[in-house]
Amino acid sequence: EAASCKSHYKSEQVINNLSVETANEPSGSHPDYSLRDLYYALAAGKYPSWTIYIQVMTFKQTKT
């Protein structure tokens, strides 16, 4: 029987958004800001992880 599958990925890391001033600064002087942040996180043993949610339904279930 055919089925529909939907997946969601949720980061388990704390989301820290940058202020407007800080966000504008790295884009010009530090274009590798995100890569550097990941590098230092990995060096400190803070590995990224995600929780994956999967929803599977028959096509009949998707219409209700």
PDB file of N, CA and C in Angstrom:
ATOM      1  N   GLU A   1       0.849  -1.182   0.000  1.00  0.00           N
ATOM      2  CA  GLU A   1       0.000   0.000   0.000  1.00  0.00           C
ATOM      3  C   GLU A   1       0.894   1.245   0.000  1.00  0.00           C
ATOM      4  N   ALA A   2       0.546   2.191  -0.823  1.00  0.00           N
ATOM      5  CA  ALA A   2       1.304   3.442  -0.906  1.00  0.00           C
ATOM      6  C   ALA A   2       1.079   4.284   0.349  1.00  0.00           C
ATOM      7  N   ALA A   3       2.082   5.050   0.705  1.00  0.00           N
ATOM      8  CA  ALA A   3       1.984   5.889   1.902  1.00  0.00           C
ATOM      9  C   ALA A   3       2.662   7.231   1.654  1.00  0.00           C
ATOM     10  N   SER A   4       2.295   8.186   2.493  1.00  0.00           N
ATOM     11  CA  SER A   4       2.902   9.515   2.474  1.00  0.00           C
ATOM     12  C   SER A   4       3.770   9.634   3.721  1.00  0.00           C
ATOM     13  N   CYS A   5       4.949  10.193   3.557  1.00  0.00           N
ATOM     14  CA  CYS A   5       5.874  10.321   4.680  1.00  0.00           C
ATOM     15  C   CYS A   5       6.325  11.777   4.802  1.00  0.00           C
ATOM     16  N   LYS A   6       6.301  12.290   6.012  1.00  0.00           N
ATOM     17  CA  LYS A   6       6.739  13.661   6.277  1.00  0.00           C
ATOM     18  C   LYS A   6       7.767  13.602   7.402  1.00  0.00           C
ATOM     19  N   SER A   7       8.856  14.338   7.260  1.00  0.00           N
ATOM     20  CA  SER A   7       9.877  14.324   8.301  1.00  0.00           C
ATOM     21  C   SER A   7      10.176  15.742   8.781  1.00  0.00           C
ATOM     22  N   HIS A   8      10.548  15.829  10.049  1.00  0.00           N
ATOM     23  CA  HIS A   8      10.913  17.100  10.673  1.00  0.00           C
ATOM     24  C   HIS A   8      12.224  16.878  11.422  1.00  0.00           C
ATOM     25  N   TYR A   9      13.135  17.812  11.289  1.00  0.00           N
ATOM     26  CA  TYR A   9      14.411  17.756  11.986  1.00  0.00           C
ATOM     27  C   TYR A   9      14.464  18.909  12.977  1.00  0.00           C
ATOM     28  N   LYS A  10      14.710  18.577  14.249  1.00  0.00           N
ATOM     29  CA  LYS A  10      14.767  19.613  15.275  1.00  0.00           C
ATOM     30  C   LYS A  10      16.144  19.580  15.940  1.00  0.00           C
ATOM     31  N   SER A  11      16.833  20.696  15.905  1.00  0.00           N
ATOM     32  CA  SER A  11      18.156  20.787  16.506  1.00  0.00           C
ATOM     33  C   SER A  11      18.053  20.672  18.024  1.00  0.00           C
ATOM     34  N   GLU A  12      18.988  19.947  18.613  1.00  0.00           N
ATOM     35  CA  GLU A  12      19.026  19.829  20.071  1.00  0.00           C
ATOM     36  C   GLU A  12      19.945  20.884  20.691  1.00  0.00           C
ATOM     37  N   GLN A  13      20.562  21.712  19.841  1.00  0.00           N
ATOM     38  CA  GLN A  13      21.412  22.784  20.332  1.00  0.00           C
ATOM     39  C   GLN A  13      20.547  23.977  20.728  1.00  0.00           C
ATOM     40  N   VAL A  14      21.080  24.741  21.644  1.00  0.00           N
ATOM     41  CA  VAL A  14      20.417  25.980  22.031  1.00  0.00           C
ATOM     42  C   VAL A  14      20.552  26.958  20.866  1.00  0.00           C
ATOM     43  N   ILE A  15      19.477  27.612  20.509  1.00  0.00           N
ATOM     44  CA  ILE A  15      19.509  28.575  19.414  1.00  0.00           C
ATOM     45  C   ILE A  15      19.766  29.954  20.002  1.00  0.00           C
ATOM     46  N   ASN A  16      20.898  30.517  19.652  1.00  0.00           N
ATOM     47  CA  ASN A  16      21.270  31.859  20.105  1.00  0.00           C
ATOM     48  C   ASN A  16      21.342  32.760  18.885  1.00  0.00           C
ATOM     49  N   ASN A  17      20.344  33.567  18.691  1.00  0.00           N
ATOM     50  CA  ASN A  17      20.349  34.497  17.565  1.00  0.00           C
ATOM     51  C   ASN A  17      21.259  35.678  17.868  1.00  0.00           C
ATOM     52  N   LEU A  18      21.855  36.205  16.814  1.00  0.00           N
ATOM     53  CA  LEU A  18      22.732  37.358  16.957  1.00  0.00           C
ATOM     54  C   LEU A  18      21.919  38.642  16.940  1.00  0.00           C
ATOM     55  N   SER A  19      22.421  39.656  17.626  1.00  0.00           N
ATOM     56  CA  SER A  19      21.785  40.971  17.539  1.00  0.00           C
ATOM     57  C   SER A  19      22.033  41.514  16.137  1.00  0.00           C
ATOM     58  N   VAL A  20      21.291  42.521  15.729  1.00  0.00           N
ATOM     59  CA  VAL A  20      21.449  43.103  14.397  1.00  0.00           C
ATOM     60  C   VAL A  20      22.873  43.619  14.210  1.00  0.00           C
ATOM     61  N   GLU A  21      23.403  44.286  15.222  1.00  0.00           N
ATOM     62  CA  GLU A  21      24.755  44.835  15.128  1.00  0.00           C
ATOM     63  C   GLU A  21      25.789  43.722  14.957  1.00  0.00           C
ATOM     64  N   THR A  22      25.661  42.680  15.765  1.00  0.00           N
ATOM     65  CA  THR A  22      26.599  41.566  15.687  1.00  0.00           C
ATOM     66  C   THR A  22      26.438  40.802  14.381  1.00  0.00           C
ATOM     67  N   ALA A  23      25.210  40.650  13.925  1.00  0.00           N
ATOM     68  CA  ALA A  23      24.955  39.922  12.675  1.00  0.00           C
ATOM     69  C   ALA A  23      25.540  40.654  11.478  1.00  0.00           C
ATOM     70  N   ASN A  24      25.501  41.970  11.476  1.00  0.00           N
ATOM     71  CA  ASN A  24      26.058  42.744  10.368  1.00  0.00           C
ATOM     72  C   ASN A  24      27.582  42.732  10.372  1.00  0.00           C
ATOM     73  N   GLU A  25      28.177  42.666  11.539  1.00  0.00           N
ATOM     74  CA  GLU A  25      29.636  42.717  11.648  1.00  0.00           C
ATOM     75  C   GLU A  25      30.312  41.487  11.034  1.00  0.00           C
ATOM     76  N   PRO A  26      29.923  40.253  11.385  1.00  0.00           N
ATOM     77  CA  PRO A  26      30.637  39.101  10.832  1.00  0.00           C
ATOM     78  C   PRO A  26      30.496  38.945   9.321  1.00  0.00           C
ATOM     79  N   SER A  27      29.398  39.384   8.755  1.00  0.00           N
ATOM     80  CA  SER A  27      29.189  39.174   7.324  1.00  0.00           C
ATOM     81  C   SER A  27      30.243  39.875   6.483  1.00  0.00           C
ATOM     82  N   GLY A  28      30.739  40.997   6.938  1.00  0.00           N
ATOM     83  CA  GLY A  28      31.750  41.716   6.177  1.00  0.00           C
ATOM     84  C   GLY A  28      33.165  41.324   6.545  1.00  0.00           C
ATOM     85  N   SER A  29      33.470  41.316   7.834  1.00  0.00           N
ATOM     86  CA  SER A  29      34.848  41.064   8.252  1.00  0.00           C
ATOM     87  C   SER A  29      35.149  39.593   8.530  1.00  0.00           C
ATOM     88  N   HIS A  30      34.125  38.776   8.765  1.00  0.00           N
ATOM     89  CA  HIS A  30      34.327  37.350   9.046  1.00  0.00           C
ATOM     90  C   HIS A  30      33.323  36.515   8.255  1.00  0.00           C
ATOM     91  N   PRO A  31      33.521  36.361   6.948  1.00  0.00           N
ATOM     92  CA  PRO A  31      32.549  35.606   6.150  1.00  0.00           C
ATOM     93  C   PRO A  31      32.465  34.127   6.532  1.00  0.00           C
ATOM     94  N   ASP A  32      33.485  33.612   7.244  1.00  0.00           N
ATOM     95  CA  ASP A  32      33.468  32.211   7.669  1.00  0.00           C
ATOM     96  C   ASP A  32      33.012  32.066   9.127  1.00  0.00           C
ATOM     97  N   TYR A  33      32.219  33.004   9.609  1.00  0.00           N
ATOM     98  CA  TYR A  33      31.779  33.041  11.008  1.00  0.00           C
ATOM     99  C   TYR A  33      31.130  31.724  11.443  1.00  0.00           C
ATOM    100  N   SER A  34      30.196  31.211  10.641  1.00  0.00           N
ATOM    101  CA  SER A  34      29.482  29.979  10.999  1.00  0.00           C
ATOM    102  C   SER A  34      30.419  28.778  11.005  1.00  0.00           C
ATOM    103  N   LEU A  35      31.297  28.714  10.038  1.00  0.00           N
ATOM    104  CA  LEU A  35      32.259  27.616   9.966  1.00  0.00           C
ATOM    105  C   LEU A  35      33.200  27.641  11.169  1.00  0.00           C
ATOM    106  N   ARG A  36      33.647  28.824  11.531  1.00  0.00           N
ATOM    107  CA  ARG A  36      34.532  28.974  12.692  1.00  0.00           C
ATOM    108  C   ARG A  36      33.806  28.591  13.979  1.00  0.00           C
ATOM    109  N   ASP A  37      32.543  28.988  14.100  1.00  0.00           N
ATOM    110  CA  ASP A  37      31.745  28.643  15.272  1.00  0.00           C
ATOM    111  C   ASP A  37      31.614  27.123  15.394  1.00  0.00           C
ATOM    112  N   LEU A  38      31.349  26.449  14.274  1.00  0.00           N
ATOM    113  CA  LEU A  38      31.252  24.987  14.272  1.00  0.00           C
ATOM    114  C   LEU A  38      32.593  24.359  14.643  1.00  0.00           C
ATOM    115  N   TYR A  39      33.675  24.877  14.101  1.00  0.00           N
ATOM    116  CA  TYR A  39      35.017  24.353  14.388  1.00  0.00           C
ATOM    117  C   TYR A  39      35.316  24.400  15.890  1.00  0.00           C
ATOM    118  N   TYR A  40      35.067  25.549  16.514  1.00  0.00           N
ATOM    119  CA  TYR A  40      35.351  25.689  17.947  1.00  0.00           C
ATOM    120  C   TYR A  40      34.401  24.845  18.799  1.00  0.00           C
ATOM    121  N   ALA A  41      33.161  24.690  18.365  1.00  0.00           N
ATOM    122  CA  ALA A  41      32.223  23.836  19.099  1.00  0.00           C
ATOM    123  C   ALA A  41      32.696  22.381  19.058  1.00  0.00           C
ATOM    124  N   LEU A  42      33.122  21.913  17.893  1.00  0.00           N
ATOM    125  CA  LEU A  42      33.623  20.542  17.769  1.00  0.00           C
ATOM    126  C   LEU A  42      34.889  20.342  18.593  1.00  0.00           C
ATOM    127  N   ALA A  43      35.769  21.327  18.578  1.00  0.00           N
ATOM    128  CA  ALA A  43      37.006  21.245  19.359  1.00  0.00           C
ATOM    129  C   ALA A  43      36.715  21.163  20.854  1.00  0.00           C
ATOM    130  N   ALA A  44      35.615  21.771  21.292  1.00  0.00           N
ATOM    131  CA  ALA A  44      35.232  21.752  22.706  1.00  0.00           C
ATOM    132  C   ALA A  44      34.388  20.523  23.053  1.00  0.00           C
ATOM    133  N   GLY A  45      34.165  19.643  22.074  1.00  0.00           N
ATOM    134  CA  GLY A  45      33.375  18.435  22.324  1.00  0.00           C
ATOM    135  C   GLY A  45      31.880  18.662  22.286  1.00  0.00           C
ATOM    136  N   LYS A  46      31.449  19.781  21.742  1.00  0.00           N
ATOM    137  CA  LYS A  46      30.012  20.094  21.637  1.00  0.00           C
ATOM    138  C   LYS A  46      29.538  19.726  20.232  1.00  0.00           C
ATOM    139  N   TYR A  47      29.229  18.451  20.049  1.00  0.00           N
ATOM    140  CA  TYR A  47      28.851  17.953  18.732  1.00  0.00           C
ATOM    141  C   TYR A  47      27.387  18.250  18.430  1.00  0.00           C
ATOM    142  N   PRO A  48      27.087  18.629  17.202  1.00  0.00           N
ATOM    143  CA  PRO A  48      25.693  18.919  16.847  1.00  0.00           C
ATOM    144  C   PRO A  48      24.864  17.639  16.841  1.00  0.00           C
ATOM    145  N   SER A  49      23.606  17.760  17.216  1.00  0.00           N
ATOM    146  CA  SER A  49      22.692  16.616  17.170  1.00  0.00           C
ATOM    147  C   SER A  49      21.283  17.117  16.892  1.00  0.00           C
ATOM    148  N   TRP A  50      20.483  16.233  16.329  1.00  0.00           N
ATOM    149  CA  TRP A  50      19.123  16.566  15.951  1.00  0.00           C
ATOM    150  C   TRP A  50      18.196  15.439  16.363  1.00  0.00           C
ATOM    151  N   THR A  51      16.953  15.764  16.596  1.00  0.00           N
ATOM    152  CA  THR A  51      15.905  14.776  16.779  1.00  0.00           C
ATOM    153  C   THR A  51      15.101  14.766  15.490  1.00  0.00           C
ATOM    154  N   ILE A  52      14.848  13.575  14.977  1.00  0.00           N
ATOM    155  CA  ILE A  52      14.107  13.440  13.727  1.00  0.00           C
ATOM    156  C   ILE A  52      12.728  12.867  14.041  1.00  0.00           C
ATOM    157  N   TYR A  53      11.709  13.553  13.573  1.00  0.00           N
ATOM    158  CA  TYR A  53      10.331  13.098  13.727  1.00  0.00           C
ATOM    159  C   TYR A  53       9.819  12.680  12.356  1.00  0.00           C
ATOM    160  N   ILE A  54       9.195  11.506  12.279  1.00  0.00           N
ATOM    161  CA  ILE A  54       8.667  11.011  11.014  1.00  0.00           C
ATOM    162  C   ILE A  54       7.190  10.684  11.187  1.00  0.00           C
ATOM    163  N   GLN A  55       6.391  11.152  10.249  1.00  0.00           N
ATOM    164  CA  GLN A  55       4.956  10.895  10.245  1.00  0.00           C
ATOM    165  C   GLN A  55       4.647  10.123   8.964  1.00  0.00           C
ATOM    166  N   VAL A  56       4.065   8.930   9.113  1.00  0.00           N
ATOM    167  CA  VAL A  56       3.714   8.102   7.963  1.00  0.00           C
ATOM    168  C   VAL A  56       2.203   7.902   7.960  1.00  0.00           C
ATOM    169  N   MET A  57       1.573   8.178   6.817  1.00  0.00           N
ATOM    170  CA  MET A  57       0.120   8.025   6.679  1.00  0.00           C
ATOM    171  C   MET A  57      -0.193   7.422   5.315  1.00  0.00           C
ATOM    172  N   THR A  58      -1.306   6.722   5.253  1.00  0.00           N
ATOM    173  CA  THR A  58      -1.794   6.278   3.951  1.00  0.00           C
ATOM    174  C   THR A  58      -2.370   7.495   3.239  1.00  0.00           C
ATOM    175  N   PHE A  59      -2.535   7.395   1.922  1.00  0.00           N
ATOM    176  CA  PHE A  59      -3.103   8.520   1.183  1.00  0.00           C
ATOM    177  C   PHE A  59      -4.539   8.796   1.631  1.00  0.00           C
ATOM    178  N   LYS A  60      -5.243   7.749   2.042  1.00  0.00           N
ATOM    179  CA  LYS A  60      -6.611   7.935   2.540  1.00  0.00           C
ATOM    180  C   LYS A  60      -6.592   8.776   3.824  1.00  0.00           C
ATOM    181  N   GLN A  61      -5.632   8.547   4.704  1.00  0.00           N
ATOM    182  CA  GLN A  61      -5.532   9.303   5.955  1.00  0.00           C
ATOM    183  C   GLN A  61      -5.168  10.765   5.707  1.00  0.00           C
ATOM    184  N   THR A  62      -4.441  11.058   4.657  1.00  0.00           N
ATOM    185  CA  THR A  62      -4.037  12.439   4.395  1.00  0.00           C
ATOM    186  C   THR A  62      -5.203  13.306   3.947  1.00  0.00           C
ATOM    187  N   LYS A  63      -6.256  12.707   3.450  1.00  0.00           N
ATOM    188  CA  LYS A  63      -7.413  13.472   2.960  1.00  0.00           C
ATOM    189  C   LYS A  63      -8.371  13.863   4.077  1.00  0.00           C
ATOM    190  N   THR A  64      -8.189  13.318   5.281  1.00  0.00           N
ATOM    191  CA  THR A  64      -9.102  13.647   6.392  1.00  0.00           C
ATOM    192  C   THR A  64      -8.525  14.707   7.277  1.00  0.00           C
TER     193      THR A  64
END
